[in-house]
Structure formats: structure tokens, C-alpha cells
Protein backbone atom coordinates (compact mmCIF):
# COMPACT_ATOMS: atom_id res chain seq x y z
CA MET A 1 -88.74 7.93 -19.42
CA TYR A 2 -89.73 7.85 -15.77
CA GLN A 3 -88.29 4.37 -15.32
CA LYS A 4 -85.06 5.45 -16.98
CA LYS A 5 -84.77 8.41 -14.59
CA ARG A 6 -85.60 6.15 -11.64
CA ARG A 7 -82.92 3.73 -12.67
CA THR A 8 -80.44 6.60 -12.96
CA THR A 9 -81.38 7.87 -9.47
CA THR A 10 -81.11 4.39 -8.00
CA ALA A 11 -77.70 3.91 -9.59
CA PHE A 12 -76.59 7.25 -8.23
CA VAL A 13 -77.76 6.30 -4.70
CA VAL A 14 -76.00 2.98 -4.96
CA ILE A 15 -72.82 4.73 -6.02
CA ILE A 16 -73.12 7.19 -3.12
CA LEU A 17 -73.81 4.42 -0.59
CA SER A 18 -71.00 2.33 -2.00
CA GLY A 19 -68.66 5.26 -1.68
CA LEU A 20 -69.78 5.89 1.86
CA LEU A 21 -69.39 2.18 2.72
CA ILE A 22 -65.96 1.98 1.13
CA GLY A 23 -64.93 5.14 2.92
CA THR A 24 -66.25 3.83 6.21
CA VAL A 25 -64.46 0.52 5.75
CA GLY A 26 -61.30 2.35 4.71
CA PHE A 27 -61.53 4.57 7.77
CA LEU A 28 -62.03 1.60 10.04
CA ASN A 29 -59.08 -0.27 8.48
CA LYS A 30 -56.91 2.79 8.79
CA GLY A 31 -57.84 3.11 12.44
CA GLU A 32 -57.12 -0.51 13.05
CA ILE A 33 -53.79 -0.15 11.29
CA MET A 34 -52.95 2.90 13.39
CA ASN A 35 -53.90 1.04 16.56
CA TYR A 36 -51.81 -1.96 15.52
CA SER A 37 -48.89 0.28 14.62
CA PHE A 38 -49.14 2.07 17.97
CA SER A 39 -49.35 -1.23 19.85
CA LEU A 40 -46.41 -2.62 17.87
CA GLN A 41 -44.31 0.46 18.56
CA LYS A 42 -45.27 0.31 22.21
CA GLY A 43 -44.33 -3.38 22.31
CA ILE A 44 -40.97 -2.72 20.64
CA THR A 45 -40.26 0.09 23.09
CA LYS A 46 -41.15 -2.16 26.00
CA LEU A 47 -39.06 -4.99 24.56
CA ARG A 48 -36.11 -2.63 24.09
CA ALA A 49 -36.49 -1.40 27.67
CA THR A 50 -36.67 -5.00 28.91
CA SER A 51 -33.57 -5.87 26.88
CA GLN A 52 -31.69 -2.89 28.31
CA GLU A 53 -32.82 -3.84 31.80
CA ASN A 54 -31.63 -7.41 31.25
CA GLU A 55 -28.26 -6.14 30.02
CA GLN A 56 -27.97 -3.96 33.11
CA LEU A 57 -28.89 -6.91 35.32
CA LYS A 58 -26.31 -9.07 33.54
CA ALA A 59 -23.69 -6.36 34.05
CA VAL A 60 -24.56 -6.10 37.73
CA ALA A 61 -24.50 -9.90 38.09
CA THR A 62 -21.13 -10.09 36.32
CA ALA A 63 -19.68 -7.30 38.47
CA THR A 64 -21.03 -9.00 41.60
CA ALA A 65 -19.54 -12.35 40.55
CA ILE A 66 -16.17 -10.70 39.88
CA GLN A 67 -16.28 -8.96 43.25
CA ASN A 68 -17.13 -12.25 44.96
CA ILE A 69 -14.20 -13.98 43.23
CA LYS A 70 -11.87 -11.15 44.24
CA LEU A 71 -13.19 -11.35 47.80
CA ILE A 72 -12.60 -15.11 47.92
CA GLN A 73 -9.09 -14.64 46.52
CA LEU A 74 -8.36 -11.88 49.03
CA GLU A 75 -9.60 -14.02 51.92
CA PHE A 76 -7.47 -16.93 50.67
CA GLU A 77 -4.38 -14.71 50.35
CA ASN A 78 -4.95 -13.32 53.84
CA LYS A 79 -5.16 -16.85 55.24
CA GLN A 80 -1.96 -17.80 53.45
CA LEU A 81 -0.22 -14.65 54.67
CA ASN A 82 -1.30 -15.40 58.24
CA LYS A 83 0.03 -18.93 57.75
CA ALA A 84 3.35 -17.49 56.56
CA VAL A 85 3.57 -15.12 59.53
CA ASN A 86 2.83 -17.95 61.97
CA ALA A 87 5.22 -20.33 60.19
CA LYS A 88 7.99 -17.75 60.43
CA LYS A 89 7.70 -17.81 64.23
CA ASN A 90 8.60 -21.52 64.21
CA LEU A 91 11.67 -21.20 61.99
CA PRO A 92 15.14 -21.70 63.50
CA GLN A 93 16.46 -18.38 64.74
CA THR A 94 19.91 -19.18 63.34
CA TYR A 95 18.95 -17.49 60.06
CA SER A 96 16.97 -14.46 58.95
CA TYR A 97 13.92 -14.82 56.71
CA SER A 98 12.01 -12.60 54.29
CA ILE A 99 8.42 -13.44 53.37
CA ALA A 100 7.99 -13.24 49.58
CA ARG A 101 4.87 -13.62 47.47
CA ILE A 102 4.98 -15.86 44.41
CA ILE A 103 4.06 -13.67 41.43
CA ASN A 104 3.96 -16.40 38.80
CA GLN A 105 5.64 -19.56 37.55
CA GLU A 106 7.84 -18.34 34.72
CA THR A 107 8.79 -21.82 33.48
CA PRO A 108 8.31 -25.39 34.78
CA ASP A 109 11.70 -24.95 36.51
CA THR A 110 11.39 -21.40 37.87
CA ILE A 111 9.09 -19.11 39.83
CA GLN A 112 9.16 -15.37 40.33
CA ILE A 113 8.76 -13.58 43.68
CA ASP A 114 7.93 -9.97 44.54
CA LEU A 115 11.21 -9.16 46.33
CA GLY A 116 14.33 -7.96 44.55
CA SER A 117 17.70 -6.31 45.01
CA LEU A 118 16.18 -3.26 46.73
CA ASP A 119 14.83 -5.67 49.36
CA GLY A 120 18.25 -7.19 49.97
CA ILE A 121 17.69 -10.26 47.79
CA THR A 122 20.89 -11.51 46.16
CA LYS A 123 21.87 -14.37 43.89
CA ASP A 124 22.25 -17.90 45.38
CA LEU A 125 20.09 -17.23 48.45
CA PRO A 126 18.07 -20.36 49.30
CA VAL A 127 14.27 -20.33 49.33
CA ILE A 128 12.05 -22.53 51.49
CA SER A 129 8.32 -23.25 51.52
CA LEU A 130 5.99 -22.45 54.42
CA ASP A 131 6.40 -26.12 55.40
CA GLN A 132 10.15 -25.44 55.69
CA TYR A 133 11.19 -27.47 52.64
CA PHE A 134 14.18 -26.29 50.60
CA VAL A 135 12.51 -25.50 47.26
CA GLY A 136 14.97 -23.38 45.27
CA ILE A 137 17.67 -20.76 45.01
CA VAL A 138 17.75 -17.20 43.68
CA THR A 139 19.30 -17.12 40.21
CA LYS A 140 18.43 -13.63 39.00
CA THR A 141 17.18 -10.36 40.49
CA THR A 142 15.72 -7.05 39.39
CA LYS A 143 15.05 -4.11 41.67
CA HIS A 144 11.67 -5.48 42.73
CA THR A 145 11.58 -9.16 41.71
CA ALA A 146 13.70 -12.30 41.77
CA THR A 147 13.74 -15.54 39.78
CA ILE A 148 13.95 -18.77 41.76
CA GLN A 149 15.23 -21.98 40.24
CA LEU A 150 13.37 -24.91 41.78
CA ILE A 151 15.46 -27.77 43.13
CA ASN A 152 12.91 -30.46 42.31
CA THR A 153 13.91 -30.26 38.66
CA ARG A 154 16.33 -32.28 36.55
CA GLU A 155 18.24 -29.18 35.47
CA PHE A 156 19.03 -28.15 39.04
CA LEU A 157 19.92 -31.56 40.40
CA MET A 158 22.12 -32.44 37.44
CA SER A 159 24.13 -29.23 37.71
CA LYS A 160 24.28 -28.63 41.45
CA GLY A 161 25.11 -31.48 43.79
CA ILE A 162 24.11 -30.75 47.38
CA THR A 163 25.86 -32.18 50.42
CA VAL A 164 23.13 -33.61 52.62
CA THR A 165 22.59 -35.50 55.82
CA ALA A 166 19.78 -37.30 57.62
CA ARG A 167 18.27 -35.25 60.42
CA GLY A 168 19.66 -36.28 63.79
CA LYS A 169 22.20 -38.68 62.30
CA ASN A 170 25.93 -38.38 61.66
CA LEU A 171 26.13 -39.29 57.98
CA PHE A 172 26.74 -37.44 54.74
CA GLY A 173 26.01 -37.96 51.06
CA ILE A 174 25.61 -36.09 47.78
CA PHE A 175 22.11 -35.26 46.57
CA GLU A 176 21.96 -35.89 42.82
CA TYR A 177 19.65 -36.88 39.96
CA ASP A 178 19.46 -40.22 38.18
CA ILE A 179 18.56 -39.63 34.51
CA SER A 180 17.90 -43.30 33.73
CA GLY A 181 15.64 -43.75 36.74
CA ASN A 182 14.18 -40.22 36.50
CA GLN A 183 14.48 -39.73 40.25
CA SER A 184 16.50 -37.89 42.86
CA TYR A 185 18.77 -39.82 45.18
CA ILE A 186 21.65 -39.60 47.67
CA ASN A 187 24.86 -41.20 46.55
CA ARG A 188 28.01 -42.28 48.40
CA ILE A 189 26.42 -43.08 51.75
CA PRO A 190 28.69 -45.28 53.92
CA SER A 191 27.39 -48.84 54.00
CA ASN A 192 27.27 -48.82 57.83
CA ALA A 193 25.40 -45.51 58.04
CA PRO A 194 22.21 -45.74 60.17
CA LEU A 195 19.92 -44.51 57.40
CA LYS A 196 16.29 -45.66 57.34
CA VAL A 197 13.22 -45.21 55.14
CA ASN A 198 11.24 -42.05 56.10
CA ASP A 199 14.33 -40.32 57.50
CA ILE A 200 14.25 -36.59 56.78
CA ILE A 201 17.00 -35.45 54.44
CA GLU A 202 18.38 -31.92 54.87
CA THR A 203 21.30 -29.80 53.77
CA ALA A 204 24.52 -30.52 55.63
CA GLY A 205 25.90 -27.01 55.18
CA GLY A 206 29.45 -26.03 54.41
CA ASP A 207 29.38 -27.23 50.80
CA ALA A 208 30.64 -25.16 47.89
CA SER A 209 27.13 -23.93 47.06
CA LYS A 210 26.95 -22.28 50.51
CA TYR A 211 23.54 -23.68 51.36
CA PRO A 212 22.81 -23.17 55.06
CA LYS A 213 22.70 -26.25 57.25
CA GLY A 214 19.38 -27.85 58.16
CA LEU A 215 17.20 -27.00 55.14
CA LYS A 216 14.73 -29.87 54.75
CA ILE A 217 14.69 -31.46 51.26
CA GLY A 218 12.55 -34.60 51.48
CA ARG A 219 12.18 -38.10 52.91
CA VAL A 220 13.92 -41.36 52.14
CA THR A 221 11.64 -43.74 50.25
CA GLN A 222 14.08 -46.54 49.34
CA ILE A 223 17.61 -47.69 50.23
CA GLU A 224 19.83 -49.86 48.01
CA SER A 225 23.42 -51.04 48.03
CA GLY A 226 25.90 -49.10 45.90
CA VAL A 227 27.59 -50.43 42.79
CA VAL A 228 30.53 -52.09 44.60
CA GLY A 229 28.76 -52.70 47.90
CA LEU A 230 30.91 -50.25 49.89
CA THR A 231 28.27 -47.53 49.93
CA LYS A 232 24.52 -47.17 49.90
CA GLN A 233 22.18 -45.19 47.70
CA ALA A 234 18.89 -43.74 48.93
CA THR A 235 15.98 -42.56 46.82
CA VAL A 236 14.47 -39.32 48.14
CA ASP A 237 10.96 -38.06 47.53
CA ILE A 238 10.73 -34.33 46.82
CA GLN A 239 7.25 -32.84 46.89
CA PRO A 240 6.14 -30.93 43.76
CA PHE A 241 6.37 -27.17 44.16
CA PRO A 242 4.58 -24.84 43.92
CA GLY A 243 1.23 -26.43 44.71
CA ASN A 244 -2.19 -24.86 44.14
CA SER A 245 -2.20 -23.31 47.61
CA GLU A 246 1.38 -22.01 47.56
CA LEU A 247 1.39 -18.20 47.56
CA PHE A 248 4.33 -17.35 49.81
CA VAL A 249 7.87 -18.54 50.43
CA PHE A 250 10.76 -17.59 52.71
CA VAL A 251 14.05 -16.30 51.37
CA VAL A 252 16.75 -17.47 53.79
CA ARG A 253 19.87 -15.57 54.71
CA ASP A 254 22.66 -17.02 56.83
CA PRO A 255 24.34 -14.06 58.56
CA SER A 256 27.55 -16.08 58.96
CA LEU A 257 27.90 -16.30 55.18
CA ASP A 258 27.57 -12.55 54.54
């Protein structure tokens, strides 16, 4: 009887100790879990803050890069504008000139400038580059813009012959476009005309298109005899326009043609 009671007491103690041990272990595990959960939450919060900080830094870096690009563009435009102002001082005083900014290239054959009818821009006015090359004519205007058809294009040269001459020489020819050869040339030059390679070709003035005299077009690159040998034909190199650095042009007005 005593042994049975002892065994019962022992079993009861074991049960109590087991319960206490399980409870202790459970408490410790719960504490560890709470600590882990707190650390995890803290880590997530820190990670989120770091992510937000990185996003802010990226935004600042992007804004700074954009500002730097704008600054570089502004400096470049200012340099080009100063170049235009200085170039204007060296232009022949026979004509009047308006500095116009190229807004965009509408098509491969046309560009758009920021001057229009309210600025006195009218159809058929010639346009020259800062290097004083004849680059196009005004074909259309709005109040604040104008479309310029470039002369170094097949469409222009096939539809508008230009009477030209060689600078400093008494000779005349017609500036045209050869479809088969895909090049611009001067036709009907007298066979005895003193034309040479590298001569500067410019408008002769007085032709039906009313282009002012002395607008530089290009240089002679090759001279050949005409079809029947009574005239010569000269190939003329026209520089592509606009180039990557072309931001401004001059619109030319000849007061004598107004």
C-alpha cells in the first residue's frame, strides 16, 4: 500500500515537474520568437528606410544629371548665339539679317525656325548659315515660325534653277541637279570661262527667283566639257545642313527687292 502511494506521489511530482519544464521551455521559445519577430520587424523597417533613402538619392542624382545636361545645353546655345552675333558683324552690309533659331528639322528637306510673319519673315526670303552659306529659302510662315526648304536637296535643285557665278570672276551658269549622277552641278558655262577647282560658287543675283547676289553655295570639285564641247559643266560640293552644331541661321533681306 505504501509503495503504491509512493509511486502515485512520484508520478504526480514527475507530472508537475514535466509541466513546469514544458512551461519553462514554452516561455523561453515564446520569448525567443518575440525577440526574433521584433528584430525582423526592426530589420524590415530599416530596410524600408534604406530603400526610401536610396530612392531619394536616385531622384536627387537624376535631377542633378538633368540639370547638368540642361546647363551644358544652355552653355552650348550661348556659345552658338555669341558665334551668330559675331558672324553677323562680318556679313556684307548690303543686306539686312535676322538671327533665327532652328526649332527642329521637320523633314529631310526642311527645317523650322522661331521667326514668323510677325517678325517680318515672308515667303521666298533666302536663309544662310553662320558660315555664310546659302542653305535654303522660306516656303511657309505662321505668326511665330517659318518653314525653310533646304537647297542641298534634290527637290529644291530640280525645281528651282539658280543663276550662279564664281566669286571674283565674270562668268555665269545655272545651278541644277543631275538625277543620274545624284549630284549638283553648274551647267552652260562658256568653254573659255576661267573656272577652276575650289572656286567659290555664289548666287549671281537678278534671276527670276530674286535671290540676292553673293550668297555662297559651295565649291567646285570637278570640271568637265559639255555635251557638244561648246560649254563646260562643273560639279559643286554643297555641305550637308543642318549639322550637329547648327542652332542658328540668318534670314536675309535685300532692301532693293522690297
